[in-house]
C-alpha atoms as a PDB file:
ATOM      1  CA  UNK A   1      -5.869 -21.407  14.240  1.00  0.00           C
ATOM      2  CA  UNK A   2      -5.511 -20.666  10.319  1.00  0.00           C
ATOM      3  CA  UNK A   3      -3.083 -18.052   9.940  1.00  0.00           C
ATOM      4  CA  UNK A   4      -4.642 -14.550   9.897  1.00  0.00           C
ATOM      5  CA  UNK A   5      -1.500 -13.379   7.068  1.00  0.00           C
ATOM      6  CA  UNK A   6      -0.400 -15.784   4.688  1.00  0.00           C
ATOM      7  CA  UNK A   7       3.049 -15.221   3.141  1.00  0.00           C
ATOM      8  CA  UNK A   8       4.172 -16.973  -0.187  1.00  0.00           C
ATOM      9  CA  UNK A   9       7.919 -15.726  -1.934  1.00  0.00           C
ATOM     10  CA  UNK A  10       8.203 -16.634  -5.680  1.00  0.00           C
ATOM     11  CA  UNK A  11      12.305 -16.014  -5.746  1.00  0.00           C
ATOM     12  CA  UNK A  12      12.237 -12.454  -5.373  1.00  0.00           C
ATOM     13  CA  UNK A  13       8.909 -11.566  -4.695  1.00  0.00           C
ATOM     14  CA  UNK A  14       6.881 -11.502  -1.263  1.00  0.00           C
ATOM     15  CA  UNK A  15       2.812 -11.934  -1.519  1.00  0.00           C
ATOM     16  CA  UNK A  16       1.356 -10.926   1.595  1.00  0.00           C
ATOM     17  CA  UNK A  17      -2.489 -12.663   1.777  1.00  0.00           C
ATOM     18  CA  UNK A  18      -4.858 -11.090   4.097  1.00  0.00           C
ATOM     19  CA  UNK A  19      -6.328 -14.132   4.857  1.00  0.00           C
ATOM     20  CA  UNK A  20      -9.976 -13.823   7.368  1.00  0.00           C
ATOM     21  CA  UNK A  21     -12.878 -13.660   4.478  1.00  0.00           C
ATOM     22  CA  UNK A  22     -14.830 -14.276   8.127  1.00  0.00           C
ATOM     23  CA  UNK A  23     -15.099 -10.515   8.444  1.00  0.00           C
ATOM     24  CA  UNK A  24     -13.968  -9.370   5.084  1.00  0.00           C
ATOM     25  CA  UNK A  25     -10.005  -9.458   6.436  1.00  0.00           C
ATOM     26  CA  UNK A  26     -10.094  -6.998   8.177  1.00  0.00           C
ATOM     27  CA  UNK A  27      -7.393  -4.443   9.861  1.00  0.00           C
ATOM     28  CA  UNK A  28      -7.964  -6.223  13.336  1.00  0.00           C
ATOM     29  CA  UNK A  29      -5.609  -5.758  15.463  1.00  0.00           C
ATOM     30  CA  UNK A  30      -4.302  -9.310  14.831  1.00  0.00           C
ATOM     31  CA  UNK A  31      -4.183  -8.629  11.296  1.00  0.00           C
ATOM     32  CA  UNK A  32      -1.927  -4.920  12.159  1.00  0.00           C
ATOM     33  CA  UNK A  33       0.791  -7.109  14.154  1.00  0.00           C
ATOM     34  CA  UNK A  34       1.339  -9.760  11.428  1.00  0.00           C
ATOM     35  CA  UNK A  35       1.523  -6.998   8.909  1.00  0.00           C
ATOM     36  CA  UNK A  36       3.797  -5.458  11.201  1.00  0.00           C
ATOM     37  CA  UNK A  37       5.784  -8.582  11.516  1.00  0.00           C
ATOM     38  CA  UNK A  38       6.290  -9.766   8.190  1.00  0.00           C
ATOM     39  CA  UNK A  39       6.813  -6.384   6.724  1.00  0.00           C
ATOM     40  CA  UNK A  40       9.615  -5.682   9.550  1.00  0.00           C
ATOM     41  CA  UNK A  41      11.816  -8.905   7.954  1.00  0.00           C
ATOM     42  CA  UNK A  42      10.805  -7.535   4.564  1.00  0.00           C
ATOM     43  CA  UNK A  43      12.254  -4.309   5.357  1.00  0.00           C
ATOM     44  CA  UNK A  44      15.076  -5.707   6.206  1.00  0.00           C
ATOM     45  CA  UNK A  45      15.480  -8.850   3.177  1.00  0.00           C
ATOM     46  CA  UNK A  46      18.095  -8.526   1.049  1.00  0.00           C
ATOM     47  CA  UNK A  47      16.635 -10.872  -1.363  1.00  0.00           C
ATOM     48  CA  UNK A  48      13.421  -9.632  -1.529  1.00  0.00           C
ATOM     49  CA  UNK A  49      13.181  -7.017  -3.968  1.00  0.00           C
ATOM     50  CA  UNK A  50       8.946  -6.426  -4.476  1.00  0.00           C
ATOM     51  CA  UNK A  51       5.908  -6.758  -2.462  1.00  0.00           C
ATOM     52  CA  UNK A  52       2.315  -7.646  -3.234  1.00  0.00           C
ATOM     53  CA  UNK A  53      -0.378  -7.399  -1.229  1.00  0.00           C
ATOM     54  CA  UNK A  54      -4.043  -9.909  -1.894  1.00  0.00           C
ATOM     55  CA  UNK A  55      -6.276 -10.903   0.151  1.00  0.00           C
ATOM     56  CA  UNK A  56      -8.956 -14.073  -0.139  1.00  0.00           C
ATOM     57  CA  UNK A  57     -12.420 -13.843  -0.267  1.00  0.00           C
ATOM     58  CA  UNK A  58     -14.229 -11.684  -2.175  1.00  0.00           C
ATOM     59  CA  UNK A  59     -13.730  -8.736  -0.387  1.00  0.00           C
ATOM     60  CA  UNK A  60     -10.042  -6.572  -0.179  1.00  0.00           C
ATOM     61  CA  UNK A  61     -10.444  -5.358   2.860  1.00  0.00           C
ATOM     62  CA  UNK A  62     -13.740  -2.973   4.850  1.00  0.00           C
ATOM     63  CA  UNK A  63     -10.981  -0.958   7.319  1.00  0.00           C
ATOM     64  CA  UNK A  64     -11.131  -1.268  10.627  1.00  0.00           C
ATOM     65  CA  UNK A  65     -12.527  -4.486  12.687  1.00  0.00           C
ATOM     66  CA  UNK A  66     -15.883  -2.669  14.000  1.00  0.00           C
ATOM     67  CA  UNK A  67     -16.999  -5.718  15.983  1.00  0.00           C
ATOM     68  CA  UNK A  68     -13.446  -5.715  17.600  1.00  0.00           C
ATOM     69  CA  UNK A  69     -13.334  -1.679  18.108  1.00  0.00           C
ATOM     70  CA  UNK A  70     -17.025  -1.881  20.010  1.00  0.00           C
ATOM     71  CA  UNK A  71     -15.966  -4.658  21.942  1.00  0.00           C
ATOM     72  CA  UNK A  72     -13.011  -2.913  23.373  1.00  0.00           C
ATOM     73  CA  UNK A  73     -15.050   0.345  24.090  1.00  0.00           C
ATOM     74  CA  UNK A  74     -17.158  -1.431  25.952  1.00  0.00           C
ATOM     75  CA  UNK A  75     -14.087  -2.910  28.895  1.00  0.00           C
ATOM     76  CA  UNK A  76     -13.075   0.174  28.628  1.00  0.00           C
ATOM     77  CA  UNK A  77     -13.743   2.761  31.763  1.00  0.00           C
ATOM     78  CA  UNK A  78     -12.424   6.458  29.494  1.00  0.00           C
ATOM     79  CA  UNK A  79     -15.195   4.829  26.341  1.00  0.00           C
ATOM     80  CA  UNK A  80     -12.088   3.219  24.558  1.00  0.00           C
ATOM     81  CA  UNK A  81     -10.182   6.385  24.327  1.00  0.00           C
ATOM     82  CA  UNK A  82      -6.611   5.255  24.833  1.00  0.00           C
ATOM     83  CA  UNK A  83      -7.197   1.664  23.058  1.00  0.00           C
ATOM     84  CA  UNK A  84      -8.535   3.925  20.023  1.00  0.00           C
ATOM     85  CA  UNK A  85      -5.342   5.988  20.289  1.00  0.00           C
ATOM     86  CA  UNK A  86      -3.414   2.828  20.716  1.00  0.00           C
ATOM     87  CA  UNK A  87      -5.242   1.256  17.426  1.00  0.00           C
ATOM     88  CA  UNK A  88      -4.962   4.375  15.003  1.00  0.00           C
ATOM     89  CA  UNK A  89      -0.989   4.135  15.718  1.00  0.00           C
ATOM     90  CA  UNK A  90      -0.412   0.833  15.149  1.00  0.00           C
ATOM     91  CA  UNK A  91      -2.200   1.246  11.775  1.00  0.00           C
ATOM     92  CA  UNK A  92      -0.735   4.792  11.140  1.00  0.00           C
ATOM     93  CA  UNK A  93       2.863   2.481  11.581  1.00  0.00           C
ATOM     94  CA  UNK A  94       1.767  -0.461   9.464  1.00  0.00           C
ATOM     95  CA  UNK A  95       1.256   2.877   6.775  1.00  0.00           C
ATOM     96  CA  UNK A  96       4.179   4.528   7.198  1.00  0.00           C
ATOM     97  CA  UNK A  97       6.214   0.981   7.068  1.00  0.00           C
ATOM     98  CA  UNK A  98       4.861   0.375   3.776  1.00  0.00           C
ATOM     99  CA  UNK A  99       6.311   3.756   2.415  1.00  0.00           C
ATOM    100  CA  UNK A 100       9.796   2.607   4.038  1.00  0.00           C
ATOM    101  CA  UNK A 101      10.296   0.123   2.791  1.00  0.00           C
ATOM    102  CA  UNK A 102      13.486  -0.157   0.615  1.00  0.00           C
ATOM    103  CA  UNK A 103      11.349  -3.030  -2.366  1.00  0.00           C
ATOM    104  CA  UNK A 104       8.213  -1.045  -3.686  1.00  0.00           C
ATOM    105  CA  UNK A 105       4.331  -2.668  -2.664  1.00  0.00           C
ATOM    106  CA  UNK A 106       1.580  -3.992  -5.520  1.00  0.00           C
ATOM    107  CA  UNK A 107      -1.811  -3.688  -3.833  1.00  0.00           C
ATOM    108  CA  UNK A 108      -3.873  -6.316  -5.672  1.00  0.00           C
ATOM    109  CA  UNK A 109      -7.463  -5.695  -5.545  1.00  0.00           C
ATOM    110  CA  UNK A 110     -10.471  -7.986  -6.328  1.00  0.00           C
ATOM    111  CA  UNK A 111     -12.540  -6.717  -4.205  1.00  0.00           C
ATOM    112  CA  UNK A 112     -14.401  -4.045  -2.065  1.00  0.00           C
ATOM    113  CA  UNK A 113     -11.674  -1.717   0.118  1.00  0.00           C
ATOM    114  CA  UNK A 114     -13.031   1.111   1.802  1.00  0.00           C
ATOM    115  CA  UNK A 115     -12.482   3.411   4.540  1.00  0.00           C
ATOM    116  CA  UNK A 116      -8.407   2.447   6.322  1.00  0.00           C
ATOM    117  CA  UNK A 117      -8.771  -0.778   3.509  1.00  0.00           C
ATOM    118  CA  UNK A 118      -8.955   2.264   0.911  1.00  0.00           C
ATOM    119  CA  UNK A 119      -5.931   3.749   3.090  1.00  0.00           C
ATOM    120  CA  UNK A 120      -4.184   0.654   2.526  1.00  0.00           C
ATOM    121  CA  UNK A 121      -4.491   0.396  -1.478  1.00  0.00           C
ATOM    122  CA  UNK A 122      -3.972   3.967  -1.623  1.00  0.00           C
ATOM    123  CA  UNK A 123      -0.704   3.960   0.704  1.00  0.00           C
ATOM    124  CA  UNK A 124       1.029   1.189  -1.436  1.00  0.00           C
ATOM    125  CA  UNK A 125       2.761   2.253  -4.412  1.00  0.00           C
ATOM    126  CA  UNK A 126       1.529   0.797  -6.671  1.00  0.00           C
ATOM    127  CA  UNK A 127      -2.002  -0.465  -6.954  1.00  0.00           C
ATOM    128  CA  UNK A 128      -3.879  -3.265  -9.201  1.00  0.00           C
ATOM    129  CA  UNK A 129      -7.428  -4.359  -9.596  1.00  0.00           C
ATOM    130  CA  UNK A 130     -10.306  -6.317 -11.023  1.00  0.00           C
ATOM    131  CA  UNK A 131     -12.968  -4.716 -12.553  1.00  0.00           C
ATOM    132  CA  UNK A 132     -15.008  -6.540  -9.271  1.00  0.00           C
ATOM    133  CA  UNK A 133     -12.920  -4.013  -7.099  1.00  0.00           C
ATOM    134  CA  UNK A 134     -14.793  -0.899  -5.228  1.00  0.00           C
ATOM    135  CA  UNK A 135     -13.345   1.833  -3.329  1.00  0.00           C
ATOM    136  CA  UNK A 136     -14.657   4.339  -0.837  1.00  0.00           C
ATOM    137  CA  UNK A 137     -14.076   6.313   2.563  1.00  0.00           C
ATOM    138  CA  UNK A 138     -17.575   6.280   3.940  1.00  0.00           C
ATOM    139  CA  UNK A 139     -17.289   6.494   7.536  1.00  0.00           C
ATOM    140  CA  UNK A 140     -19.050   9.568   7.522  1.00  0.00           C
ATOM    141  CA  UNK A 141     -21.741   7.038   6.913  1.00  0.00           C
ATOM    142  CA  UNK A 142     -22.246   5.837  10.333  1.00  0.00           C
ATOM    143  CA  UNK A 143     -20.695   9.228  11.467  1.00  0.00           C
ATOM    144  CA  UNK A 144     -17.289   7.958  12.059  1.00  0.00           C
ATOM    145  CA  UNK A 145     -15.192  10.931   9.248  1.00  0.00           C
ATOM    146  CA  UNK A 146     -11.973   8.583   7.934  1.00  0.00           C
ATOM    147  CA  UNK A 147     -10.038  11.431   8.855  1.00  0.00           C
ATOM    148  CA  UNK A 148      -6.810   9.467   8.664  1.00  0.00           C
ATOM    149  CA  UNK A 149      -7.413   7.474   5.154  1.00  0.00           C
ATOM    150  CA  UNK A 150      -7.734  10.806   4.011  1.00  0.00           C
ATOM    151  CA  UNK A 151      -4.176  11.224   4.392  1.00  0.00           C
ATOM    152  CA  UNK A 152      -2.982   8.252   2.233  1.00  0.00           C
ATOM    153  CA  UNK A 153      -5.795   9.647   0.023  1.00  0.00           C
ATOM    154  CA  UNK A 154      -5.461  12.756  -0.777  1.00  0.00           C
ATOM    155  CA  UNK A 155      -2.074  12.490  -1.910  1.00  0.00           C
ATOM    156  CA  UNK A 156      -3.991   9.902  -4.715  1.00  0.00           C
ATOM    157  CA  UNK A 157      -6.690  11.839  -6.328  1.00  0.00           C
ATOM    158  CA  UNK A 158      -7.377  15.680  -6.326  1.00  0.00           C
ATOM    159  CA  UNK A 159      -8.107  17.058  -3.144  1.00  0.00           C
ATOM    160  CA  UNK A 160     -12.382  17.936  -4.594  1.00  0.00           C
ATOM    161  CA  UNK A 161     -12.864  14.591  -5.431  1.00  0.00           C
ATOM    162  CA  UNK A 162     -11.257  13.087  -2.582  1.00  0.00           C
ATOM    163  CA  UNK A 163     -13.532  15.271   0.059  1.00  0.00           C
ATOM    164  CA  UNK A 164     -15.953  14.699  -1.980  1.00  0.00           C
ATOM    165  CA  UNK A 165     -15.716  10.543  -1.517  1.00  0.00           C
ATOM    166  CA  UNK A 166     -15.163  11.465   2.672  1.00  0.00           C
ATOM    167  CA  UNK A 167     -18.362  13.644   3.112  1.00  0.00           C
ATOM    168  CA  UNK A 168     -20.919  11.432   0.985  1.00  0.00           C
ATOM    169  CA  UNK A 169     -19.461   7.843   1.562  1.00  0.00           C
ATOM    170  CA  UNK A 170     -20.041   7.752  -2.202  1.00  0.00           C
ATOM    171  CA  UNK A 171     -17.577   4.426  -3.923  1.00  0.00           C
ATOM    172  CA  UNK A 172     -15.579   4.031  -7.026  1.00  0.00           C
ATOM    173  CA  UNK A 173     -15.504   1.541  -9.422  1.00  0.00           C
ATOM    174  CA  UNK A 174     -12.457   0.412 -10.842  1.00  0.00           C
ATOM    175  CA  UNK A 175     -12.563   2.512 -13.531  1.00  0.00           C
ATOM    176  CA  UNK A 176     -13.105   6.071 -11.506  1.00  0.00           C
ATOM    177  CA  UNK A 177     -10.337   4.557  -8.983  1.00  0.00           C
ATOM    178  CA  UNK A 178      -7.968   4.410 -12.372  1.00  0.00           C
ATOM    179  CA  UNK A 179      -8.647   7.723 -13.930  1.00  0.00           C
ATOM    180  CA  UNK A 180      -8.404   9.494 -10.750  1.00  0.00           C
ATOM    181  CA  UNK A 181      -4.447   7.940  -9.895  1.00  0.00           C
ATOM    182  CA  UNK A 182      -5.735   5.583  -7.363  1.00  0.00           C
ATOM    183  CA  UNK A 183      -4.921   2.848  -9.312  1.00  0.00           C
ATOM    184  CA  UNK A 184      -2.764   2.203 -12.188  1.00  0.00           C
ATOM    185  CA  UNK A 185      -5.019  -0.407 -14.102  1.00  0.00           C
ATOM    186  CA  UNK A 186      -7.794  -2.864 -14.170  1.00  0.00           C
ATOM    187  CA  UNK A 187      -7.889  -5.860 -15.161  1.00  0.00           C
ATOM    188  CA  UNK A 188     -10.075  -8.926 -15.535  1.00  0.00           C
ATOM    189  CA  UNK A 189     -10.504 -11.490 -12.347  1.00  0.00           C
ATOM    190  CA  UNK A 190      -9.294 -14.326 -14.182  1.00  0.00           C
ATOM    191  CA  UNK A 191      -6.332 -12.429 -14.360  1.00  0.00           C
ATOM    192  CA  UNK A 192      -5.280 -10.177 -12.161  1.00  0.00           C
ATOM    193  CA  UNK A 193      -3.234 -11.742 -10.325  1.00  0.00           C
ATOM    194  CA  UNK A 194      -0.540 -12.586 -13.548  1.00  0.00           C
ATOM    195  CA  UNK A 195      -1.028  -8.451 -13.928  1.00  0.00           C
ATOM    196  CA  UNK A 196       0.765  -8.195 -10.358  1.00  0.00           C
ATOM    197  CA  UNK A 197       3.142 -10.723 -10.652  1.00  0.00           C
ATOM    198  CA  UNK A 198       3.968  -9.418 -14.203  1.00  0.00           C
ATOM    199  CA  UNK A 199       4.572  -5.783 -12.413  1.00  0.00           C
ATOM    200  CA  UNK A 200       6.641  -7.223  -9.134  1.00  0.00           C
ATOM    201  CA  UNK A 201       9.027  -9.156 -11.817  1.00  0.00           C
ATOM    202  CA  UNK A 202       9.453  -6.013 -13.693  1.00  0.00           C
ATOM    203  CA  UNK A 203      10.719  -4.493 -10.850  1.00  0.00           C
ATOM    204  CA  UNK A 204      12.112  -7.211  -9.404  1.00  0.00           C
ATOM    205  CA  UNK A 205      14.772  -7.652 -12.722  1.00  0.00           C
ATOM    206  CA  UNK A 206      15.737  -3.852 -12.150  1.00  0.00           C
ATOM    207  CA  UNK A 207      18.813  -2.825  -9.779  1.00  0.00           C
ATOM    208  CA  UNK A 208      17.383  -3.438  -6.244  1.00  0.00           C
ATOM    209  CA  UNK A 209      20.247  -0.048  -5.474  1.00  0.00           C
ATOM    210  CA  UNK A 210      18.328   1.869  -7.633  1.00  0.00           C
ATOM    211  CA  UNK A 211      14.755   1.636  -7.074  1.00  0.00           C
ATOM    212  CA  UNK A 212      15.620   1.919  -3.305  1.00  0.00           C
ATOM    213  CA  UNK A 213      17.261   4.452  -3.596  1.00  0.00           C
ATOM    214  CA  UNK A 214      14.623   5.979  -6.086  1.00  0.00           C
ATOM    215  CA  UNK A 215      11.694   4.697  -4.005  1.00  0.00           C
ATOM    216  CA  UNK A 216      12.679   7.176  -1.446  1.00  0.00           C
ATOM    217  CA  UNK A 217      13.137   9.914  -3.119  1.00  0.00           C
ATOM    218  CA  UNK A 218       9.923   9.829  -4.453  1.00  0.00           C
ATOM    219  CA  UNK A 219       8.070  10.287  -1.293  1.00  0.00           C
ATOM    220  CA  UNK A 220      10.379  12.889   0.201  1.00  0.00           C
ATOM    221  CA  UNK A 221      10.662  15.427  -3.102  1.00  0.00           C
ATOM    222  CA  UNK A 222       7.275  15.236  -3.627  1.00  0.00           C
ATOM    223  CA  UNK A 223       6.914  16.756  -0.012  1.00  0.00           C
ATOM    224  CA  UNK A 224       9.042  19.551  -1.276  1.00  0.00           C
ATOM    225  CA  UNK A 225       9.143  23.326  -3.338  1.00  0.00           C
ATOM    226  CA  UNK A 226      10.761  22.888  -6.172  1.00  0.00           C
ATOM    227  CA  UNK A 227      14.006  24.266  -6.187  1.00  0.00           C
ATOM    228  CA  UNK A 228      14.275  21.828  -2.961  1.00  0.00           C
ATOM    229  CA  UNK A 229      13.086  18.867  -4.515  1.00  0.00           C
ATOM    230  CA  UNK A 230      15.720  19.547  -7.467  1.00  0.00           C
ATOM    231  CA  UNK A 231      18.307  19.879  -4.854  1.00  0.00           C
ATOM    232  CA  UNK A 232      17.852  16.781  -3.266  1.00  0.00           C
ATOM    233  CA  UNK A 233      16.750  15.000  -6.458  1.00  0.00           C
ATOM    234  CA  UNK A 234      20.709  15.598  -8.184  1.00  0.00           C
ATOM    235  CA  UNK A 235      22.639  14.703  -5.018  1.00  0.00           C
ATOM    236  CA  UNK A 236      20.694  11.858  -4.853  1.00  0.00           C
ATOM    237  CA  UNK A 237      21.297  11.153  -8.666  1.00  0.00           C
ATOM    238  CA  UNK A 238      24.361  12.391  -8.272  1.00  0.00           C
ATOM    239  CA  UNK A 239      24.980   9.350  -5.483  1.00  0.00           C
ATOM    240  CA  UNK A 240      23.458   6.499  -7.575  1.00  0.00           C
ATOM    241  CA  UNK A 241      25.382   7.582 -10.725  1.00  0.00           C
ATOM    242  CA  UNK A 242      28.738   6.320  -8.274  1.00  0.00           C
ATOM    243  CA  UNK A 243      27.509   3.015  -7.797  1.00  0.00           C
ATOM    244  CA  UNK A 244      29.581   0.289  -9.012  1.00  0.00           C
ATOM    245  CA  UNK A 245      26.550  -1.887 -10.437  1.00  0.00           C
ATOM    246  CA  UNK A 246      25.265   1.611 -11.982  1.00  0.00           C
ATOM    247  CA  UNK A 247      28.504   2.485 -14.455  1.00  0.00           C
ATOM    248  CA  UNK A 248      28.662  -0.942 -15.228  1.00  0.00           C
ATOM    249  CA  UNK A 249      25.145  -0.829 -16.784  1.00  0.00           C
ATOM    250  CA  UNK A 250      25.619   2.035 -18.699  1.00  0.00           C
ATOM    251  CA  UNK A 251      29.144   0.416 -19.679  1.00  0.00           C
ATOM    252  CA  UNK A 252      26.646  -2.688 -21.243  1.00  0.00           C
ATOM    253  CA  UNK A 253      24.260  -0.382 -22.468  1.00  0.00           C
ATOM    254  CA  UNK A 254      26.852   1.939 -24.811  1.00  0.00           C
ATOM    255  CA  UNK A 255      28.604  -1.607 -26.134  1.00  0.00           C
ATOM    256  CA  UNK A 256      25.001  -3.192 -26.350  1.00  0.00           C
ATOM    257  CA  UNK A 257      25.270  -5.709 -23.820  1.00  0.00           C
ATOM    258  CA  UNK A 258      22.969  -6.976 -21.280  1.00  0.00           C
END
């Protein structure tokens, strides 16, 4: 059986490829399990310094596997309530795991990213997309409001635009997504993998201890009031300054050494 998620490590960079093009790389139970397993392994790794999530085929990810969901609904006496609660809990765990990883995670989007697929893009720390990519939270078109994708999306772009997308089902092209802050940059399809790898290599070249403490602080302070944020960030910066590696880095900079 073909692996639903491929992992290849290039030196200090882990590349995860969603590999289920027949269902457009939907977040099926198997895909969520594979992401969970690999991300948990990466979280514990002292070697890996950056992660790229990309996809095989023409689509990045359309969200959950609706055929699988409907089949499970028909098997359950409660209409699938317990199953759906468990499925969304597992998906939420994966999304939160991406944020909790000490390594920055880069989404590389070559095609459509819809519903929970758009949520995955919004959850990653950095995102690059080809000119053929598109982004939407279009569950409303089939009567299912994208409530969980809304959490990540509304923390990336303006509230009014997020609400418009959620209620109309309209998609963003990659240039609109870049302008709104959902992605970092647009690249030509032929250069997309090179673009994401270049960013990952730059991150991997930095002191991993500094990136780790910085990523955690970045998200934590964003949810605080300004005074609390400065107080917390100051403590984090003092902790970072006291690292022996940072001390060496400052000395090297002052003495014009690498």
